[in-house]
């Protein structure tokens, strides 16, 4: 955001508002893409969406010095990118695994955290060579040459005979699960939706503005890239650790204390902190929140609602994640523009992390497979 601000003169609120375009569009389309996965299979959706994402994201190199054009590019990304997110990947993984599903989902999502450890440095290198525009096509190199070959070679759902024997199957041979309408009639659906919205509202802006927070403390862009790598390490450890614990303990009881960690991070990232080590630790804890939140929605959708209509239900529950993550950066930017620091927004985030995590404790016991089979439509 810094180089864009310097070149175009747009303030941080205007730059951050672009995330609202792709976030809201993506959130609205997440149930649609999830439904496509349920109907046409994840392989077709994943390949086409990833290809479209690569083309659109790389084309950001040509963004004009025109604020509506900046927003139009992000809106185009919102139209195509949601199919290259966990909305697609998690359905396949949830159907391949049952007993160790939490860990499998955590491993599935490691790609984002593993690459994020070095992508900030790689992008920073690209910016130094070719300006901020070079960052966009440079970042798509990983999607084009790493993700796409793996998707084309191996990504698919299991055939009925390949599914885990512990998965309950309906009379028609499909897996059991609630319909979207049935899921929406239960309190668990709305608890997950509200919790996801609150947590993503707190997290989204903290992640997007992390580099600016670091530089606002007087550190360099290279230091900011190091902190972003530390955020990625937190995502990696959060996803593996939380997934492992979800398989062994009641997931809401694990998620609540995990959501208190980023509340501590927000305090460490406030303007009063002058220690780079504390800022690094705060970035790490913010990363843990990101790793935990994505796992929460993916895992609990399968445990509470079953797999027959997993894509569509998960899409609806992923929507508030997209909306919260899209609105949040704009508000963080507004607070920065009007007060000169992020402290006010970080204080609000502390409260929201705690409330969002505590709400999960009201989800109650998992439904057993017989209950899901009786309700299956």
Protein backbone atom coordinates (compact mmCIF):
# COMPACT_ATOMS: atom_id res chain seq x y z
CA UNK A 1 0.00 0.00 0.00
CA UNK A 2 2.88 2.39 0.73
CA UNK A 3 4.21 2.59 -2.87
CA UNK A 4 0.66 2.88 -4.28
CA UNK A 5 -0.05 5.71 -1.84
CA UNK A 6 3.18 7.46 -2.83
CA UNK A 7 2.57 7.17 -6.59
CA UNK A 8 -1.16 7.91 -6.87
CA UNK A 9 -1.74 10.01 -3.74
CA UNK A 10 -4.73 7.92 -2.66
CA UNK A 11 -5.15 7.68 1.11
CA UNK A 12 -5.08 4.37 2.96
CA UNK A 13 -8.87 4.25 3.31
CA UNK A 14 -9.31 4.55 -0.47
CA UNK A 15 -6.69 1.90 -1.20
CA UNK A 16 -8.07 -0.50 1.42
CA UNK A 17 -11.65 0.00 0.22
CA UNK A 18 -10.74 -2.05 -2.86
CA UNK A 19 -10.81 -5.19 -0.70
CA UNK A 20 -14.50 -4.48 -0.15
CA UNK A 21 -15.10 -5.04 -3.86
CA UNK A 22 -13.64 -8.52 -4.08
CA UNK A 23 -14.66 -9.46 -0.53
CA UNK A 24 -18.36 -8.72 -0.88
CA UNK A 25 -18.58 -10.16 -4.40
CA UNK A 26 -16.68 -13.24 -3.31
CA UNK A 27 -18.88 -13.62 -0.24
CA UNK A 28 -22.04 -13.40 -2.34
CA UNK A 29 -20.70 -15.95 -4.81
CA UNK A 30 -19.25 -18.39 -2.26
CA UNK A 31 -22.55 -20.32 -1.89
CA UNK A 32 -22.87 -20.39 -5.69
CA UNK A 33 -19.38 -21.81 -6.18
CA UNK A 34 -20.00 -24.21 -3.29
CA UNK A 35 -23.16 -25.38 -5.03
CA UNK A 36 -21.18 -25.87 -8.26
CA UNK A 37 -18.75 -28.08 -6.31
CA UNK A 38 -21.63 -30.16 -4.96
CA UNK A 39 -23.18 -30.51 -8.40
CA UNK A 40 -20.29 -30.63 -10.89
CA UNK A 41 -17.41 -31.76 -8.67
CA UNK A 42 -14.49 -29.88 -7.18
CA UNK A 43 -11.99 -30.68 -9.92
CA UNK A 44 -13.71 -28.72 -12.67
CA UNK A 45 -14.43 -25.75 -10.41
CA UNK A 46 -10.90 -25.71 -8.99
CA UNK A 47 -9.09 -25.77 -12.33
CA UNK A 48 -11.22 -23.09 -14.00
CA UNK A 49 -11.21 -20.78 -10.97
CA UNK A 50 -7.46 -21.02 -10.42
CA UNK A 51 -6.77 -20.24 -14.06
CA UNK A 52 -9.11 -17.22 -13.98
CA UNK A 53 -7.53 -16.02 -10.73
CA UNK A 54 -4.02 -16.17 -12.22
CA UNK A 55 -5.04 -14.15 -15.28
CA UNK A 56 -6.90 -11.45 -13.34
CA UNK A 57 -4.35 -11.06 -10.56
CA UNK A 58 -1.43 -10.81 -12.98
CA UNK A 59 -3.33 -8.15 -14.95
CA UNK A 60 -3.13 -5.80 -11.94
CA UNK A 61 0.17 -4.77 -13.50
CA UNK A 62 -1.92 -2.60 -15.86
CA UNK A 63 -4.06 -0.82 -13.23
CA UNK A 64 -4.41 2.85 -14.30
CA UNK A 65 -3.96 5.98 -12.19
CA UNK A 66 -7.74 6.12 -11.77
CA UNK A 67 -9.36 5.12 -8.49
CA UNK A 68 -12.54 3.61 -10.07
CA UNK A 69 -10.25 1.48 -12.25
CA UNK A 70 -8.47 0.19 -9.13
CA UNK A 71 -11.86 -0.84 -7.75
CA UNK A 72 -12.92 -2.43 -11.05
CA UNK A 73 -9.87 -4.68 -11.04
CA UNK A 74 -10.64 -5.88 -7.53
CA UNK A 75 -14.29 -6.45 -8.45
CA UNK A 76 -13.16 -8.63 -11.36
CA UNK A 77 -11.02 -10.61 -8.94
CA UNK A 78 -14.04 -11.09 -6.67
CA UNK A 79 -16.03 -12.59 -9.53
CA UNK A 80 -13.56 -15.41 -10.19
CA UNK A 81 -11.31 -15.93 -7.17
CA UNK A 82 -13.66 -17.56 -4.66
CA UNK A 83 -13.44 -20.87 -6.52
CA UNK A 84 -9.71 -20.99 -5.77
CA UNK A 85 -10.24 -20.82 -2.00
CA UNK A 86 -11.05 -23.43 0.69
CA UNK A 87 -14.67 -23.32 -0.50
CA UNK A 88 -13.47 -25.71 -3.21
CA UNK A 89 -10.51 -27.52 -1.62
CA UNK A 90 -12.12 -28.37 1.72
CA UNK A 91 -15.05 -30.33 0.24
CA UNK A 92 -12.71 -32.80 -1.41
CA UNK A 93 -10.52 -33.22 1.67
CA UNK A 94 -13.52 -33.64 3.96
CA UNK A 95 -14.72 -36.52 1.78
CA UNK A 96 -11.34 -38.26 1.67
CA UNK A 97 -10.82 -38.14 5.45
CA UNK A 98 -13.01 -38.79 8.49
CA UNK A 99 -11.15 -39.82 11.65
CA UNK A 100 -8.28 -37.37 11.08
CA UNK A 101 -10.25 -34.78 9.14
CA UNK A 102 -9.14 -31.85 11.31
CA UNK A 103 -5.46 -32.54 10.70
CA UNK A 104 -6.09 -33.24 7.01
CA UNK A 105 -7.85 -29.88 6.59
CA UNK A 106 -5.00 -28.18 8.44
CA UNK A 107 -2.41 -29.78 6.14
CA UNK A 108 -4.52 -28.83 3.11
CA UNK A 109 -4.28 -25.18 4.09
CA UNK A 110 -0.54 -25.23 4.78
CA UNK A 111 0.21 -24.05 1.26
CA UNK A 112 -0.92 -20.51 2.00
CA UNK A 113 1.15 -20.24 5.18
CA UNK A 114 4.21 -22.04 3.79
CA UNK A 115 4.43 -19.80 0.74
CA UNK A 116 3.60 -16.71 2.79
CA UNK A 117 6.82 -17.24 4.70
CA UNK A 118 8.89 -16.29 1.66
CA UNK A 119 6.42 -14.63 -0.73
CA UNK A 120 6.63 -11.24 1.08
CA UNK A 121 10.40 -11.26 0.58
CA UNK A 122 10.03 -12.41 -3.03
CA UNK A 123 7.44 -9.71 -3.74
CA UNK A 124 9.59 -7.10 -1.99
CA UNK A 125 12.44 -8.16 -4.31
CA UNK A 126 10.13 -7.83 -7.34
CA UNK A 127 9.05 -4.35 -6.21
CA UNK A 128 12.68 -3.26 -5.88
CA UNK A 129 13.32 -4.45 -9.45
CA UNK A 130 10.17 -3.32 -11.24
CA UNK A 131 8.08 -1.17 -8.92
CA UNK A 132 4.89 -2.09 -7.08
CA UNK A 133 3.16 -3.25 -10.28
CA UNK A 134 5.63 -6.11 -10.64
CA UNK A 135 4.41 -7.58 -7.35
CA UNK A 136 1.17 -8.88 -8.90
CA UNK A 137 2.47 -11.02 -11.80
CA UNK A 138 5.38 -12.09 -9.58
CA UNK A 139 2.99 -13.47 -6.97
CA UNK A 140 1.03 -15.47 -9.57
CA UNK A 141 4.17 -17.45 -10.45
CA UNK A 142 3.45 -19.75 -7.52
CA UNK A 143 -0.16 -20.36 -8.52
CA UNK A 144 0.78 -21.02 -12.15
CA UNK A 145 3.83 -23.26 -11.71
CA UNK A 146 3.14 -24.87 -8.33
CA UNK A 147 -0.60 -25.01 -7.66
CA UNK A 148 -1.93 -25.66 -11.16
CA UNK A 149 0.20 -28.75 -11.94
CA UNK A 150 -0.83 -30.40 -8.66
CA UNK A 151 -4.52 -29.60 -9.22
CA UNK A 152 -4.49 -30.98 -12.75
CA UNK A 153 -2.57 -34.11 -11.76
CA UNK A 154 -4.29 -35.19 -8.56
CA UNK A 155 -7.15 -33.03 -7.31
CA UNK A 156 -10.53 -34.83 -7.28
CA UNK A 157 -13.17 -36.22 -4.95
CA UNK A 158 -13.08 -39.90 -3.94
CA UNK A 159 -15.28 -42.37 -5.75
CA UNK A 160 -17.86 -44.11 -3.50
CA UNK A 161 -15.63 -47.15 -3.03
CA UNK A 162 -12.68 -44.91 -2.06
CA UNK A 163 -14.47 -43.08 0.74
CA UNK A 164 -13.58 -43.85 4.37
CA UNK A 165 -15.60 -46.81 5.63
CA UNK A 166 -16.68 -44.73 8.64
CA UNK A 167 -18.57 -42.24 6.46
CA UNK A 168 -22.31 -42.81 6.56
CA UNK A 169 -23.82 -43.30 3.10
CA UNK A 170 -27.41 -42.66 2.06
CA UNK A 171 -29.59 -45.09 0.12
CA UNK A 172 -28.63 -43.41 -3.15
CA UNK A 173 -24.95 -44.04 -2.48
CA UNK A 174 -24.13 -40.41 -1.67
CA UNK A 175 -22.82 -39.20 1.68
CA UNK A 176 -25.39 -38.05 4.25
CA UNK A 177 -25.90 -34.49 5.40
CA UNK A 178 -28.38 -31.71 6.02
CA UNK A 179 -29.70 -29.46 3.31
CA UNK A 180 -28.94 -25.75 3.53
CA UNK A 181 -32.50 -25.06 4.67
CA UNK A 182 -32.25 -27.62 7.46
CA UNK A 183 -28.88 -26.24 8.56
CA UNK A 184 -30.28 -22.70 8.69
CA UNK A 185 -33.05 -23.86 11.02
CA UNK A 186 -30.52 -24.78 13.70
CA UNK A 187 -28.70 -22.44 16.09
CA UNK A 188 -25.31 -23.89 15.18
CA UNK A 189 -25.45 -22.37 11.70
CA UNK A 190 -26.06 -18.85 13.00
CA UNK A 191 -23.53 -19.14 15.83
CA UNK A 192 -20.85 -20.13 13.33
CA UNK A 193 -21.88 -17.34 10.97
CA UNK A 194 -21.77 -14.60 13.63
CA UNK A 195 -18.53 -15.88 15.17
CA UNK A 196 -16.87 -15.99 11.75
CA UNK A 197 -17.99 -12.45 10.97
CA UNK A 198 -16.65 -11.02 14.25
CA UNK A 199 -13.30 -12.79 14.03
CA UNK A 200 -12.72 -11.99 10.36
CA UNK A 201 -13.71 -8.37 10.99
CA UNK A 202 -10.93 -8.20 13.57
CA UNK A 203 -8.33 -10.16 11.64
CA UNK A 204 -8.67 -8.97 8.03
CA UNK A 205 -7.45 -5.42 8.50
CA UNK A 206 -4.73 -6.40 10.96
CA UNK A 207 -3.23 -8.71 8.31
CA UNK A 208 -3.59 -6.31 5.37
CA UNK A 209 -2.14 -3.38 7.35
CA UNK A 210 0.51 -5.39 9.21
CA UNK A 211 3.39 -4.04 7.13
CA UNK A 212 2.20 -0.47 7.69
CA UNK A 213 1.89 -1.10 11.44
CA UNK A 214 5.50 -2.27 11.53
CA UNK A 215 6.75 0.73 9.57
CA UNK A 216 4.66 3.06 11.76
CA UNK A 217 6.72 1.80 14.70
CA UNK A 218 9.85 3.07 12.90
CA UNK A 219 11.05 -0.16 11.30
CA UNK A 220 11.93 -0.79 7.64
CA UNK A 221 10.04 -2.47 4.79
CA UNK A 222 12.45 -5.40 5.13
CA UNK A 223 11.50 -5.68 8.81
CA UNK A 224 7.83 -5.62 7.78
CA UNK A 225 8.43 -8.52 5.38
CA UNK A 226 10.05 -10.44 8.25
CA UNK A 227 6.98 -9.84 10.41
CA UNK A 228 4.73 -11.03 7.57
CA UNK A 229 6.78 -14.21 7.39
CA UNK A 230 6.25 -14.61 11.12
CA UNK A 231 2.49 -14.21 10.53
CA UNK A 232 2.75 -17.05 8.03
CA UNK A 233 4.58 -19.21 10.58
CA UNK A 234 1.69 -18.57 12.99
CA UNK A 235 -0.80 -19.63 10.32
CA UNK A 236 1.16 -22.84 9.70
CA UNK A 237 1.45 -23.78 13.37
CA UNK A 238 -2.14 -22.74 14.05
CA UNK A 239 -3.52 -24.90 11.26
CA UNK A 240 -1.53 -27.99 12.13
CA UNK A 241 -1.96 -27.64 15.89
CA UNK A 242 -5.64 -26.77 15.83
CA UNK A 243 -6.43 -29.48 13.29
CA UNK A 244 -4.64 -32.06 15.43
CA UNK A 245 -6.54 -30.93 18.56
CA UNK A 246 -9.90 -30.82 16.74
CA UNK A 247 -9.57 -34.55 16.03
CA UNK A 248 -9.06 -35.34 19.70
CA UNK A 249 -11.14 -32.85 21.67
CA UNK A 250 -14.41 -30.94 21.36
CA UNK A 251 -13.55 -28.34 18.72
CA UNK A 252 -15.33 -25.29 20.24
CA UNK A 253 -13.45 -25.86 23.50
CA UNK A 254 -10.18 -25.74 21.56
CA UNK A 255 -11.17 -22.75 19.41
CA UNK A 256 -12.13 -20.41 22.27
CA UNK A 257 -8.70 -20.13 23.95
CA UNK A 258 -7.10 -20.03 20.49
CA UNK A 259 -9.09 -16.88 19.72
CA UNK A 260 -7.78 -15.17 22.84
CA UNK A 261 -4.22 -15.30 21.44
CA UNK A 262 -4.83 -12.71 18.69
CA UNK A 263 -6.46 -10.45 21.28
CA UNK A 264 -3.08 -10.43 23.03
CA UNK A 265 -1.45 -9.75 19.66
CA UNK A 266 -3.54 -6.63 19.10
CA UNK A 267 -2.27 -5.22 22.39
CA UNK A 268 1.34 -5.96 21.41
CA UNK A 269 0.88 -4.21 18.05
CA UNK A 270 -0.34 -0.93 19.53
CA UNK A 271 1.74 2.21 19.19
CA UNK A 272 3.15 1.97 22.70
CA UNK A 273 5.25 -1.05 21.71
CA UNK A 274 8.86 -0.30 20.71
CA UNK A 275 10.28 -3.82 20.83
CA UNK A 276 10.67 -5.53 17.46
CA UNK A 277 10.62 -8.94 19.15
CA UNK A 278 7.22 -8.18 20.70
CA UNK A 279 5.90 -7.04 17.31
CA UNK A 280 7.20 -10.27 15.78
CA UNK A 281 5.39 -12.23 18.48
CA UNK A 282 2.21 -10.22 17.87
CA UNK A 283 2.41 -11.02 14.16
CA UNK A 284 2.84 -14.69 14.99
CA UNK A 285 -0.29 -14.69 17.17
CA UNK A 286 -2.31 -12.91 14.46
CA UNK A 287 -1.24 -15.71 12.14
CA UNK A 288 -2.49 -18.30 14.61
CA UNK A 289 -5.91 -16.62 14.46
CA UNK A 290 -5.99 -16.91 10.66
CA UNK A 291 -5.01 -20.56 10.73
CA UNK A 292 -7.57 -21.36 13.40
CA UNK A 293 -10.51 -19.49 11.88
CA UNK A 294 -10.35 -21.17 8.49
CA UNK A 295 -10.10 -24.57 10.14
CA UNK A 296 -13.06 -23.80 12.40
CA UNK A 297 -15.47 -23.20 9.53
CA UNK A 298 -14.24 -26.11 7.39
CA UNK A 299 -14.17 -28.65 10.21
CA UNK A 300 -17.38 -27.67 11.98
CA UNK A 301 -19.39 -27.51 8.77
CA UNK A 302 -18.66 -31.20 8.24
CA UNK A 303 -19.18 -32.20 11.91
CA UNK A 304 -22.44 -30.36 12.49
CA UNK A 305 -24.09 -30.55 9.04
CA UNK A 306 -22.62 -33.54 7.19
CA UNK A 307 -21.20 -33.73 3.67
CA UNK A 308 -24.05 -34.11 1.17
CA UNK A 309 -24.51 -30.34 0.77
CA UNK A 310 -21.16 -29.38 2.29
CA UNK A 311 -20.12 -27.03 -0.51
CA UNK A 312 -23.22 -24.87 -0.38
CA UNK A 313 -23.41 -24.72 3.43
CA UNK A 314 -19.70 -24.02 3.72
CA UNK A 315 -20.08 -21.33 1.06
CA UNK A 316 -22.72 -19.55 3.12
CA UNK A 317 -20.58 -19.80 6.26
CA UNK A 318 -17.50 -18.65 4.35
CA UNK A 319 -19.40 -15.58 3.13
CA UNK A 320 -19.13 -13.63 6.43
CA UNK A 321 -15.41 -14.41 6.44
CA UNK A 322 -15.16 -12.68 3.06
CA UNK A 323 -17.35 -9.75 4.08
CA UNK A 324 -15.61 -9.20 7.42
CA UNK A 325 -12.16 -9.51 5.85
CA UNK A 326 -13.16 -7.03 3.14
CA UNK A 327 -14.67 -4.34 5.40
CA UNK A 328 -11.97 -4.62 8.04
CA UNK A 329 -9.00 -3.22 6.03
CA UNK A 330 -11.02 -0.16 5.07
CA UNK A 331 -11.85 0.58 8.71
CA UNK A 332 -8.26 0.00 9.80
CA UNK A 333 -7.22 2.43 7.06
CA UNK A 334 -9.84 5.00 8.15
CA UNK A 335 -8.64 4.86 11.74
CA UNK A 336 -5.04 5.28 10.54
CA UNK A 337 -5.97 8.25 8.32
CA UNK A 338 -8.00 10.04 11.02
CA UNK A 339 -5.98 9.31 14.18
CA UNK A 340 -2.47 8.67 12.88
CA UNK A 341 -2.32 5.18 14.39
CA UNK A 342 -4.18 1.86 14.47
CA UNK A 343 -4.67 1.74 18.24
CA UNK A 344 -8.41 2.43 18.31
CA UNK A 345 -9.18 -0.32 15.81
CA UNK A 346 -6.86 -2.75 17.57
CA UNK A 347 -8.75 -2.09 20.82
CA UNK A 348 -12.05 -2.94 19.11
CA UNK A 349 -10.46 -6.07 17.64
CA UNK A 350 -9.45 -7.30 21.12
CA UNK A 351 -13.09 -7.27 22.21
CA UNK A 352 -14.38 -8.89 19.01
CA UNK A 353 -11.84 -11.72 19.10
CA UNK A 354 -12.95 -12.57 22.64
CA UNK A 355 -16.68 -12.44 21.84
CA UNK A 356 -16.31 -14.40 18.60
CA UNK A 357 -14.35 -17.14 20.32
CA UNK A 358 -16.69 -17.36 23.31
CA UNK A 359 -19.75 -17.66 21.03
CA UNK A 360 -18.45 -21.00 19.74
CA UNK A 361 -18.93 -22.53 23.19
CA UNK A 362 -22.71 -22.36 22.57
CA UNK A 363 -22.54 -24.79 19.62
CA UNK A 364 -23.20 -27.81 21.83
CA UNK A 365 -22.48 -31.46 21.16
CA UNK A 366 -21.81 -32.84 17.70
CA UNK A 367 -24.83 -34.59 16.11
CA UNK A 368 -24.20 -38.31 15.70
CA UNK A 369 -24.25 -39.96 12.29
CA UNK A 370 -27.64 -41.55 12.88
CA UNK A 371 -29.17 -38.11 13.46
CA UNK A 372 -27.71 -36.81 10.22
CA UNK A 373 -28.89 -39.89 8.35
CA UNK A 374 -32.47 -39.46 9.64
CA UNK A 375 -32.50 -35.80 8.61
CA UNK A 376 -30.81 -36.39 5.25
CA UNK A 377 -32.86 -35.18 2.26
